Amino acid sequence: MDTNESFPSVKITARERQILCLLAKGKSTKAMASELNLSSETIIWYRKQLHRKFGVHSTAELLMKAVEFKLL
């Protein structure tokens, strides 16, 4: 069995990592947008991209996967 098979890698951008870190700190979409000087719609777009990449449907699942993959 290939060891990488049981631990898939997810490639994320530096901005997506920023969003993950702010989510882990409990920041709201509005607070993240203000801190990163982006629109709320852009933050929502990044969050949707992260959900898609990780194959999850909630923020809790997203953060659990990010920790599992050692991204946080």
PDB file of N, CA and C in Angstrom:
ATOM      1  N   MET A   1       0.836  -1.188   0.000  1.00  0.00           N
ATOM      2  CA  MET A   1       0.000   0.000   0.000  1.00  0.00           C
ATOM      3  C   MET A   1       0.873   1.240   0.000  1.00  0.00           C
ATOM      4  N   ASP A   2       0.564   2.181  -0.843  1.00  0.00           N
ATOM      5  CA  ASP A   2       1.280   3.453  -0.919  1.00  0.00           C
ATOM      6  C   ASP A   2       0.895   4.303   0.286  1.00  0.00           C
ATOM      7  N   THR A   3       1.888   4.809   1.030  1.00  0.00           N
ATOM      8  CA  THR A   3       1.591   5.596   2.224  1.00  0.00           C
ATOM      9  C   THR A   3       0.913   6.912   1.887  1.00  0.00           C
ATOM     10  N   ASN A   4       1.127   7.435   0.704  1.00  0.00           N
ATOM     11  CA  ASN A   4       0.479   8.681   0.314  1.00  0.00           C
ATOM     12  C   ASN A   4      -1.011   8.484   0.065  1.00  0.00           C
ATOM     13  N   GLU A   5      -1.417   7.257  -0.193  1.00  0.00           N
ATOM     14  CA  GLU A   5      -2.817   6.960  -0.454  1.00  0.00           C
ATOM     15  C   GLU A   5      -3.687   7.235   0.761  1.00  0.00           C
ATOM     16  N   SER A   6      -3.185   6.935   1.946  1.00  0.00           N
ATOM     17  CA  SER A   6      -3.976   7.130   3.149  1.00  0.00           C
ATOM     18  C   SER A   6      -3.892   8.560   3.669  1.00  0.00           C
ATOM     19  N   PHE A   7      -3.021   9.361   3.108  1.00  0.00           N
ATOM     20  CA  PHE A   7      -2.861  10.738   3.552  1.00  0.00           C
ATOM     21  C   PHE A   7      -2.765  11.646   2.332  1.00  0.00           C
ATOM     22  N   PRO A   8      -3.915  11.918   1.701  1.00  0.00           N
ATOM     23  CA  PRO A   8      -3.897  12.709   0.465  1.00  0.00           C
ATOM     24  C   PRO A   8      -3.387  14.124   0.701  1.00  0.00           C
ATOM     25  N   SER A   9      -2.784  14.687  -0.317  1.00  0.00           N
ATOM     26  CA  SER A   9      -2.306  16.054  -0.182  1.00  0.00           C
ATOM     27  C   SER A   9      -3.305  17.000  -0.833  1.00  0.00           C
ATOM     28  N   VAL A  10      -3.446  18.146  -0.241  1.00  0.00           N
ATOM     29  CA  VAL A  10      -4.307  19.192  -0.768  1.00  0.00           C
ATOM     30  C   VAL A  10      -3.425  20.396  -0.987  1.00  0.00           C
ATOM     31  N   LYS A  11      -3.399  20.881  -2.213  1.00  0.00           N
ATOM     32  CA  LYS A  11      -2.583  22.047  -2.518  1.00  0.00           C
ATOM     33  C   LYS A  11      -3.430  23.302  -2.371  1.00  0.00           C
ATOM     34  N   ILE A  12      -2.959  24.218  -1.507  1.00  0.00           N
ATOM     35  CA  ILE A  12      -3.671  25.474  -1.326  1.00  0.00           C
ATOM     36  C   ILE A  12      -2.705  26.629  -1.542  1.00  0.00           C
ATOM     37  N   THR A  13      -3.271  27.760  -1.899  1.00  0.00           N
ATOM     38  CA  THR A  13      -2.461  28.958  -2.130  1.00  0.00           C
ATOM     39  C   THR A  13      -2.147  29.645  -0.802  1.00  0.00           C
ATOM     40  N   ALA A  14      -1.233  30.604  -0.859  1.00  0.00           N
ATOM     41  CA  ALA A  14      -0.887  31.372   0.339  1.00  0.00           C
ATOM     42  C   ALA A  14      -2.119  32.107   0.867  1.00  0.00           C
ATOM     43  N   ARG A  15      -2.942  32.654  -0.019  1.00  0.00           N
ATOM     44  CA  ARG A  15      -4.142  33.373   0.403  1.00  0.00           C
ATOM     45  C   ARG A  15      -5.140  32.409   1.044  1.00  0.00           C
ATOM     46  N   GLU A  16      -5.277  31.213   0.488  1.00  0.00           N
ATOM     47  CA  GLU A  16      -6.177  30.221   1.078  1.00  0.00           C
ATOM     48  C   GLU A  16      -5.690  29.827   2.466  1.00  0.00           C
ATOM     49  N   ARG A  17      -4.386  29.738   2.641  1.00  0.00           N
ATOM     50  CA  ARG A  17      -3.830  29.426   3.965  1.00  0.00           C
ATOM     51  C   ARG A  17      -4.157  30.549   4.949  1.00  0.00           C
ATOM     52  N   GLN A  18      -4.072  31.806   4.492  1.00  0.00           N
ATOM     53  CA  GLN A  18      -4.438  32.938   5.341  1.00  0.00           C
ATOM     54  C   GLN A  18      -5.890  32.812   5.791  1.00  0.00           C
ATOM     55  N   ILE A  19      -6.755  32.489   4.851  1.00  0.00           N
ATOM     56  CA  ILE A  19      -8.178  32.343   5.158  1.00  0.00           C
ATOM     57  C   ILE A  19      -8.377  31.222   6.177  1.00  0.00           C
ATOM     58  N   LEU A  20      -7.702  30.097   5.979  1.00  0.00           N
ATOM     59  CA  LEU A  20      -7.799  28.979   6.926  1.00  0.00           C
ATOM     60  C   LEU A  20      -7.370  29.405   8.323  1.00  0.00           C
ATOM     61  N   CYS A  21      -6.260  30.107   8.420  1.00  0.00           N
ATOM     62  CA  CYS A  21      -5.748  30.541   9.724  1.00  0.00           C
ATOM     63  C   CYS A  21      -6.730  31.491  10.409  1.00  0.00           C
ATOM     64  N   LEU A  22      -7.317  32.402   9.641  1.00  0.00           N
ATOM     65  CA  LEU A  22      -8.284  33.325  10.220  1.00  0.00           C
ATOM     66  C   LEU A  22      -9.561  32.588  10.634  1.00  0.00           C
ATOM     67  N   LEU A  23      -9.974  31.600   9.849  1.00  0.00           N
ATOM     68  CA  LEU A  23     -11.123  30.775  10.230  1.00  0.00           C
ATOM     69  C   LEU A  23     -10.844  30.051  11.543  1.00  0.00           C
ATOM     70  N   ALA A  24      -9.635  29.522  11.670  1.00  0.00           N
ATOM     71  CA  ALA A  24      -9.251  28.796  12.880  1.00  0.00           C
ATOM     72  C   ALA A  24      -9.267  29.709  14.105  1.00  0.00           C
ATOM     73  N   LYS A  25      -9.040  30.996  13.876  1.00  0.00           N
ATOM     74  CA  LYS A  25      -9.080  31.975  14.969  1.00  0.00           C
ATOM     75  C   LYS A  25     -10.496  32.445  15.262  1.00  0.00           C
ATOM     76  N   GLY A  26     -11.465  31.938  14.490  1.00  0.00           N
ATOM     77  CA  GLY A  26     -12.853  32.280  14.726  1.00  0.00           C
ATOM     78  C   GLY A  26     -13.310  33.579  14.091  1.00  0.00           C
ATOM     79  N   LYS A  27     -12.544  34.091  13.134  1.00  0.00           N
ATOM     80  CA  LYS A  27     -12.894  35.358  12.480  1.00  0.00           C
ATOM     81  C   LYS A  27     -14.111  35.175  11.576  1.00  0.00           C
ATOM     82  N   SER A  28     -14.933  36.189  11.525  1.00  0.00           N
ATOM     83  CA  SER A  28     -16.089  36.185  10.636  1.00  0.00           C
ATOM     84  C   SER A  28     -15.649  36.572   9.227  1.00  0.00           C
ATOM     85  N   THR A  29     -16.534  36.341   8.273  1.00  0.00           N
ATOM     86  CA  THR A  29     -16.250  36.729   6.888  1.00  0.00           C
ATOM     87  C   THR A  29     -15.963  38.220   6.815  1.00  0.00           C
ATOM     88  N   LYS A  30     -16.775  39.014   7.483  1.00  0.00           N
ATOM     89  CA  LYS A  30     -16.608  40.471   7.471  1.00  0.00           C
ATOM     90  C   LYS A  30     -15.265  40.879   8.086  1.00  0.00           C
ATOM     91  N   ALA A  31     -14.892  40.252   9.191  1.00  0.00           N
ATOM     92  CA  ALA A  31     -13.620  40.573   9.853  1.00  0.00           C
ATOM     93  C   ALA A  31     -12.434  40.176   8.969  1.00  0.00           C
ATOM     94  N   MET A  32     -12.538  39.017   8.317  1.00  0.00           N
ATOM     95  CA  MET A  32     -11.464  38.588   7.414  1.00  0.00           C
ATOM     96  C   MET A  32     -11.331  39.556   6.247  1.00  0.00           C
ATOM     97  N   ALA A  33     -12.459  39.961   5.692  1.00  0.00           N
ATOM     98  CA  ALA A  33     -12.448  40.893   4.559  1.00  0.00           C
ATOM     99  C   ALA A  33     -11.772  42.195   4.955  1.00  0.00           C
ATOM    100  N   SER A  34     -12.090  42.693   6.123  1.00  0.00           N
ATOM    101  CA  SER A  34     -11.494  43.938   6.601  1.00  0.00           C
ATOM    102  C   SER A  34      -9.989  43.780   6.826  1.00  0.00           C
ATOM    103  N   GLU A  35      -9.606  42.697   7.481  1.00  0.00           N
ATOM    104  CA  GLU A  35      -8.191  42.454   7.798  1.00  0.00           C
ATOM    105  C   GLU A  35      -7.341  42.265   6.540  1.00  0.00           C
ATOM    106  N   LEU A  36      -7.901  41.605   5.524  1.00  0.00           N
ATOM    107  CA  LEU A  36      -7.152  41.308   4.304  1.00  0.00           C
ATOM    108  C   LEU A  36      -7.398  42.328   3.191  1.00  0.00           C
ATOM    109  N   ASN A  37      -8.222  43.334   3.495  1.00  0.00           N
ATOM    110  CA  ASN A  37      -8.551  44.376   2.521  1.00  0.00           C
ATOM    111  C   ASN A  37      -9.170  43.777   1.252  1.00  0.00           C
ATOM    112  N   LEU A  38     -10.120  42.866   1.461  1.00  0.00           N
ATOM    113  CA  LEU A  38     -10.846  42.220   0.374  1.00  0.00           C
ATOM    114  C   LEU A  38     -12.336  42.402   0.622  1.00  0.00           C
ATOM    115  N   SER A  39     -13.140  42.113  -0.381  1.00  0.00           N
ATOM    116  CA  SER A  39     -14.591  42.179  -0.187  1.00  0.00           C
ATOM    117  C   SER A  39     -15.071  40.895   0.501  1.00  0.00           C
ATOM    118  N   SER A  40     -16.220  40.994   1.128  1.00  0.00           N
ATOM    119  CA  SER A  40     -16.823  39.805   1.747  1.00  0.00           C
ATOM    120  C   SER A  40     -17.097  38.736   0.702  1.00  0.00           C
ATOM    121  N   GLU A  41     -17.485  39.159  -0.495  1.00  0.00           N
ATOM    122  CA  GLU A  41     -17.752  38.207  -1.574  1.00  0.00           C
ATOM    123  C   GLU A  41     -16.498  37.428  -1.956  1.00  0.00           C
ATOM    124  N   THR A  42     -15.358  38.100  -1.924  1.00  0.00           N
ATOM    125  CA  THR A  42     -14.093  37.429  -2.238  1.00  0.00           C
ATOM    126  C   THR A  42     -13.747  36.406  -1.166  1.00  0.00           C
ATOM    127  N   ILE A  43     -13.967  36.752   0.083  1.00  0.00           N
ATOM    128  CA  ILE A  43     -13.717  35.807   1.180  1.00  0.00           C
ATOM    129  C   ILE A  43     -14.632  34.588   1.022  1.00  0.00           C
ATOM    130  N   ILE A  44     -15.889  34.825   0.707  1.00  0.00           N
ATOM    131  CA  ILE A  44     -16.836  33.721   0.497  1.00  0.00           C
ATOM    132  C   ILE A  44     -16.360  32.838  -0.647  1.00  0.00           C
ATOM    133  N   TRP A  45     -15.854  33.439  -1.711  1.00  0.00           N
ATOM    134  CA  TRP A  45     -15.341  32.675  -2.854  1.00  0.00           C
ATOM    135  C   TRP A  45     -14.171  31.785  -2.418  1.00  0.00           C
ATOM    136  N   TYR A  46     -13.228  32.356  -1.649  1.00  0.00           N
ATOM    137  CA  TYR A  46     -12.095  31.567  -1.164  1.00  0.00           C
ATOM    138  C   TYR A  46     -12.571  30.416  -0.281  1.00  0.00           C
ATOM    139  N   ARG A  47     -13.529  30.678   0.573  1.00  0.00           N
ATOM    140  CA  ARG A  47     -14.042  29.626   1.445  1.00  0.00           C
ATOM    141  C   ARG A  47     -14.678  28.508   0.621  1.00  0.00           C
ATOM    142  N   LYS A  48     -15.427  28.864  -0.412  1.00  0.00           N
ATOM    143  CA  LYS A  48     -16.027  27.845  -1.285  1.00  0.00           C
ATOM    144  C   LYS A  48     -14.943  27.023  -1.975  1.00  0.00           C
ATOM    145  N   GLN A  49     -13.879  27.688  -2.399  1.00  0.00           N
ATOM    146  CA  GLN A  49     -12.769  26.969  -3.033  1.00  0.00           C
ATOM    147  C   GLN A  49     -12.136  25.985  -2.060  1.00  0.00           C
ATOM    148  N   LEU A  50     -11.944  26.405  -0.820  1.00  0.00           N
ATOM    149  CA  LEU A  50     -11.370  25.525   0.201  1.00  0.00           C
ATOM    150  C   LEU A  50     -12.299  24.336   0.468  1.00  0.00           C
ATOM    151  N   HIS A  51     -13.577  24.581   0.567  1.00  0.00           N
ATOM    152  CA  HIS A  51     -14.545  23.489   0.783  1.00  0.00           C
ATOM    153  C   HIS A  51     -14.469  22.493  -0.368  1.00  0.00           C
ATOM    154  N   ARG A  52     -14.374  23.012  -1.587  1.00  0.00           N
ATOM    155  CA  ARG A  52     -14.282  22.141  -2.766  1.00  0.00           C
ATOM    156  C   ARG A  52     -12.999  21.315  -2.737  1.00  0.00           C
ATOM    157  N   LYS A  53     -11.868  21.973  -2.472  1.00  0.00           N
ATOM    158  CA  LYS A  53     -10.575  21.276  -2.469  1.00  0.00           C
ATOM    159  C   LYS A  53     -10.508  20.188  -1.400  1.00  0.00           C
ATOM    160  N   PHE A  54     -11.118  20.451  -0.248  1.00  0.00           N
ATOM    161  CA  PHE A  54     -11.077  19.491   0.846  1.00  0.00           C
ATOM    162  C   PHE A  54     -12.243  18.505   0.801  1.00  0.00           C
ATOM    163  N   GLY A  55     -13.220  18.755  -0.067  1.00  0.00           N
ATOM    164  CA  GLY A  55     -14.366  17.859  -0.178  1.00  0.00           C
ATOM    165  C   GLY A  55     -15.243  17.856   1.056  1.00  0.00           C
ATOM    166  N   VAL A  56     -15.449  19.047   1.634  1.00  0.00           N
ATOM    167  CA  VAL A  56     -16.244  19.155   2.863  1.00  0.00           C
ATOM    168  C   VAL A  56     -17.403  20.125   2.640  1.00  0.00           C
ATOM    169  N   HIS A  57     -18.334  20.142   3.619  1.00  0.00           N
ATOM    170  CA  HIS A  57     -19.525  20.977   3.490  1.00  0.00           C
ATOM    171  C   HIS A  57     -19.700  21.971   4.626  1.00  0.00           C
ATOM    172  N   SER A  58     -18.817  21.926   5.620  1.00  0.00           N
ATOM    173  CA  SER A  58     -18.952  22.863   6.737  1.00  0.00           C
ATOM    174  C   SER A  58     -17.579  23.385   7.143  1.00  0.00           C
ATOM    175  N   THR A  59     -17.592  24.497   7.864  1.00  0.00           N
ATOM    176  CA  THR A  59     -16.344  25.081   8.353  1.00  0.00           C
ATOM    177  C   THR A  59     -15.670  24.146   9.349  1.00  0.00           C
ATOM    178  N   ALA A  60     -16.462  23.500  10.182  1.00  0.00           N
ATOM    179  CA  ALA A  60     -15.892  22.564  11.158  1.00  0.00           C
ATOM    180  C   ALA A  60     -15.147  21.431  10.455  1.00  0.00           C
ATOM    181  N   GLU A  61     -15.767  20.864   9.415  1.00  0.00           N
ATOM    182  CA  GLU A  61     -15.111  19.800   8.643  1.00  0.00           C
ATOM    183  C   GLU A  61     -13.840  20.322   7.980  1.00  0.00           C
ATOM    184  N   LEU A  62     -13.921  21.522   7.444  1.00  0.00           N
ATOM    185  CA  LEU A  62     -12.770  22.134   6.781  1.00  0.00           C
ATOM    186  C   LEU A  62     -11.596  22.265   7.735  1.00  0.00           C
ATOM    187  N   LEU A  63     -11.851  22.781   8.916  1.00  0.00           N
ATOM    188  CA  LEU A  63     -10.779  22.962   9.890  1.00  0.00           C
ATOM    189  C   LEU A  63     -10.231  21.630  10.392  1.00  0.00           C
ATOM    190  N   MET A  64     -11.108  20.645  10.561  1.00  0.00           N
ATOM    191  CA  MET A  64     -10.637  19.319  10.981  1.00  0.00           C
ATOM    192  C   MET A  64      -9.720  18.715   9.927  1.00  0.00           C
ATOM    193  N   LYS A  65     -10.103  18.830   8.650  1.00  0.00           N
ATOM    194  CA  LYS A  65      -9.268  18.310   7.563  1.00  0.00           C
ATOM    195  C   LYS A  65      -7.946  19.073   7.492  1.00  0.00           C
ATOM    196  N   ALA A  66      -7.980  20.379   7.656  1.00  0.00           N
ATOM    197  CA  ALA A  66      -6.757  21.184   7.591  1.00  0.00           C
ATOM    198  C   ALA A  66      -5.781  20.764   8.684  1.00  0.00           C
ATOM    199  N   VAL A  67      -6.296  20.481   9.864  1.00  0.00           N
ATOM    200  CA  VAL A  67      -5.446  19.995  10.960  1.00  0.00           C
ATOM    201  C   VAL A  67      -4.928  18.596  10.628  1.00  0.00           C
ATOM    202  N   GLU A  68      -5.799  17.736  10.121  1.00  0.00           N
ATOM    203  CA  GLU A  68      -5.404  16.375   9.754  1.00  0.00           C
ATOM    204  C   GLU A  68      -4.282  16.379   8.726  1.00  0.00           C
ATOM    205  N   PHE A  69      -4.362  17.316   7.761  1.00  0.00           N
ATOM    206  CA  PHE A  69      -3.355  17.408   6.707  1.00  0.00           C
ATOM    207  C   PHE A  69      -2.163  18.280   7.107  1.00  0.00           C
ATOM    208  N   LYS A  70      -2.154  18.696   8.380  1.00  0.00           N
ATOM    209  CA  LYS A  70      -1.049  19.488   8.950  1.00  0.00           C
ATOM    210  C   LYS A  70      -0.865  20.827   8.227  1.00  0.00           C
ATOM    211  N   LEU A  71      -1.998  21.434   7.868  1.00  0.00           N
ATOM    212  CA  LEU A  71      -1.968  22.750   7.224  1.00  0.00           C
ATOM    213  C   LEU A  71      -2.209  23.869   8.224  1.00  0.00           C
ATOM    214  N   LEU A  72      -2.592  23.499   9.430  1.00  0.00           N
ATOM    215  CA  LEU A  72      -2.787  24.463  10.512  1.00  0.00           C
ATOM    216  C   LEU A  72      -1.959  24.048  11.701  1.00  0.00           C
TER     217      LEU A  72
END
